[in-house]
Amino acid sequence: MMVKEDDTLESACLILRKKKFNALPVVSNAGELVGILTVHDVLDAFIDYLKLEYK
């Protein structure tokens, strides 16, 4: 299971939750690995979206 770099964060979140994964590989349209999306990345994006301050 993986996501493409142009997939939405929402679709990646659904995969993480439904499959109970902690991370997903992110691949380019050419199939090359470009990164790893983790649950912590998702939480950071959510915190930024809510404009919360954390240390």
N, C-alpha and C. Protein backbone atom coordinates (compact mmCIF):
# COMPACT_ATOMS: atom_id res chain seq x y z
N MET A 1 0.85 -1.16 0.00
CA MET A 1 0.00 0.00 0.00
C MET A 1 0.90 1.23 0.00
N MET A 2 0.57 2.22 -0.83
CA MET A 2 1.34 3.45 -0.93
C MET A 2 0.44 4.57 -1.44
N VAL A 3 0.96 5.79 -1.39
CA VAL A 3 0.25 6.92 -1.97
C VAL A 3 1.18 7.59 -2.97
N LYS A 4 0.58 8.29 -3.93
CA LYS A 4 1.36 9.06 -4.89
C LYS A 4 1.53 10.47 -4.37
N GLU A 5 2.57 11.14 -4.84
CA GLU A 5 2.89 12.46 -4.30
C GLU A 5 1.81 13.50 -4.58
N ASP A 6 0.93 13.23 -5.55
CA ASP A 6 -0.15 14.19 -5.82
C ASP A 6 -1.49 13.75 -5.22
N ASP A 7 -1.50 12.67 -4.42
CA ASP A 7 -2.70 12.28 -3.69
C ASP A 7 -2.97 13.29 -2.57
N THR A 8 -4.21 13.39 -2.16
CA THR A 8 -4.55 14.34 -1.09
C THR A 8 -4.16 13.77 0.27
N LEU A 9 -3.96 14.69 1.20
CA LEU A 9 -3.69 14.28 2.57
C LEU A 9 -4.89 13.51 3.13
N GLU A 10 -6.08 13.92 2.75
CA GLU A 10 -7.29 13.25 3.23
C GLU A 10 -7.31 11.78 2.81
N SER A 11 -6.97 11.50 1.56
CA SER A 11 -6.98 10.11 1.11
C SER A 11 -5.90 9.30 1.81
N ALA A 12 -4.75 9.91 2.05
CA ALA A 12 -3.69 9.21 2.78
C ALA A 12 -4.12 8.93 4.22
N CYS A 13 -4.80 9.88 4.84
CA CYS A 13 -5.30 9.68 6.21
C CYS A 13 -6.27 8.52 6.29
N LEU A 14 -7.14 8.42 5.32
CA LEU A 14 -8.11 7.32 5.31
C LEU A 14 -7.41 5.97 5.20
N ILE A 15 -6.38 5.90 4.39
CA ILE A 15 -5.62 4.64 4.27
C ILE A 15 -4.93 4.32 5.59
N LEU A 16 -4.27 5.32 6.17
CA LEU A 16 -3.58 5.10 7.45
C LEU A 16 -4.55 4.57 8.50
N ARG A 17 -5.72 5.17 8.57
CA ARG A 17 -6.69 4.78 9.60
C ARG A 17 -7.31 3.42 9.32
N LYS A 18 -7.77 3.22 8.09
CA LYS A 18 -8.45 1.96 7.76
C LYS A 18 -7.52 0.76 7.88
N LYS A 19 -6.26 0.93 7.48
CA LYS A 19 -5.30 -0.18 7.50
C LYS A 19 -4.52 -0.26 8.81
N LYS A 20 -4.74 0.74 9.69
CA LYS A 20 -4.05 0.82 10.97
C LYS A 20 -2.53 0.85 10.79
N PHE A 21 -2.09 1.62 9.77
CA PHE A 21 -0.67 1.81 9.50
C PHE A 21 -0.16 3.02 10.27
N ASN A 22 1.11 3.05 10.54
CA ASN A 22 1.76 4.21 11.15
C ASN A 22 2.47 5.07 10.11
N ALA A 23 2.67 4.53 8.91
CA ALA A 23 3.38 5.25 7.86
C ALA A 23 3.03 4.66 6.50
N LEU A 24 3.21 5.48 5.47
CA LEU A 24 2.98 5.05 4.09
C LEU A 24 4.11 5.57 3.21
N PRO A 25 4.60 4.75 2.29
CA PRO A 25 5.55 5.28 1.32
C PRO A 25 4.84 6.21 0.34
N VAL A 26 5.54 7.26 -0.07
CA VAL A 26 5.02 8.20 -1.07
C VAL A 26 5.88 8.04 -2.31
N VAL A 27 5.21 7.77 -3.45
CA VAL A 27 5.94 7.54 -4.69
C VAL A 27 5.55 8.57 -5.75
N SER A 28 6.48 8.81 -6.66
CA SER A 28 6.23 9.71 -7.79
C SER A 28 5.36 8.98 -8.81
N ASN A 29 4.93 9.71 -9.83
CA ASN A 29 4.15 9.09 -10.90
C ASN A 29 4.99 8.07 -11.67
N ALA A 30 6.31 8.19 -11.57
CA ALA A 30 7.21 7.23 -12.21
C ALA A 30 7.45 6.01 -11.33
N GLY A 31 6.87 6.02 -10.12
CA GLY A 31 7.01 4.88 -9.22
C GLY A 31 8.23 4.93 -8.32
N GLU A 32 8.93 6.06 -8.31
CA GLU A 32 10.12 6.19 -7.46
C GLU A 32 9.72 6.69 -6.07
N LEU A 33 10.37 6.16 -5.06
CA LEU A 33 10.11 6.59 -3.69
C LEU A 33 10.58 8.03 -3.52
N VAL A 34 9.67 8.89 -3.03
CA VAL A 34 10.03 10.30 -2.79
C VAL A 34 9.91 10.67 -1.32
N GLY A 35 9.36 9.78 -0.49
CA GLY A 35 9.26 10.08 0.93
C GLY A 35 8.42 9.07 1.67
N ILE A 36 8.29 9.32 2.95
CA ILE A 36 7.46 8.50 3.83
C ILE A 36 6.53 9.44 4.59
N LEU A 37 5.25 9.18 4.55
CA LEU A 37 4.26 9.95 5.30
C LEU A 37 3.96 9.18 6.58
N THR A 38 4.13 9.84 7.73
CA THR A 38 3.88 9.19 9.01
C THR A 38 2.66 9.80 9.69
N VAL A 39 2.18 9.12 10.69
CA VAL A 39 1.07 9.63 11.48
C VAL A 39 1.47 10.96 12.13
N HIS A 40 2.72 11.08 12.52
CA HIS A 40 3.20 12.33 13.11
C HIS A 40 3.13 13.47 12.11
N ASP A 41 3.42 13.18 10.83
CA ASP A 41 3.30 14.21 9.79
C ASP A 41 1.85 14.69 9.68
N VAL A 42 0.93 13.75 9.76
CA VAL A 42 -0.49 14.09 9.67
C VAL A 42 -0.90 14.94 10.88
N LEU A 43 -0.46 14.55 12.06
CA LEU A 43 -0.78 15.33 13.26
C LEU A 43 -0.19 16.74 13.17
N ASP A 44 1.04 16.85 12.68
CA ASP A 44 1.65 18.17 12.51
C ASP A 44 0.84 19.03 11.56
N ALA A 45 0.38 18.45 10.45
CA ALA A 45 -0.43 19.20 9.49
C ALA A 45 -1.74 19.64 10.14
N PHE A 46 -2.35 18.78 10.94
CA PHE A 46 -3.60 19.12 11.62
C PHE A 46 -3.38 20.25 12.63
N ILE A 47 -2.31 20.16 13.39
CA ILE A 47 -1.99 21.20 14.37
C ILE A 47 -1.74 22.53 13.66
N ASP A 48 -1.00 22.51 12.56
CA ASP A 48 -0.77 23.72 11.78
C ASP A 48 -2.07 24.29 11.24
N TYR A 49 -2.94 23.42 10.76
CA TYR A 49 -4.23 23.85 10.21
C TYR A 49 -5.07 24.56 11.27
N LEU A 50 -5.03 24.04 12.49
CA LEU A 50 -5.79 24.63 13.59
C LEU A 50 -5.09 25.84 14.21
N LYS A 51 -3.88 26.10 13.73
CA LYS A 51 -3.07 27.22 14.24
C LYS A 51 -2.83 27.10 15.74
N LEU A 52 -2.61 25.87 16.19
CA LEU A 52 -2.30 25.63 17.59
C LEU A 52 -0.80 25.79 17.82
N GLU A 53 -0.43 26.17 19.03
CA GLU A 53 0.97 26.28 19.37
C GLU A 53 1.35 25.06 20.21
N TYR A 54 2.48 24.48 19.90
CA TYR A 54 2.97 23.36 20.68
C TYR A 54 4.48 23.45 20.73
N LYS A 55 5.02 22.79 21.73
CA LYS A 55 6.48 22.84 21.92
C LYS A 55 7.07 21.48 21.77
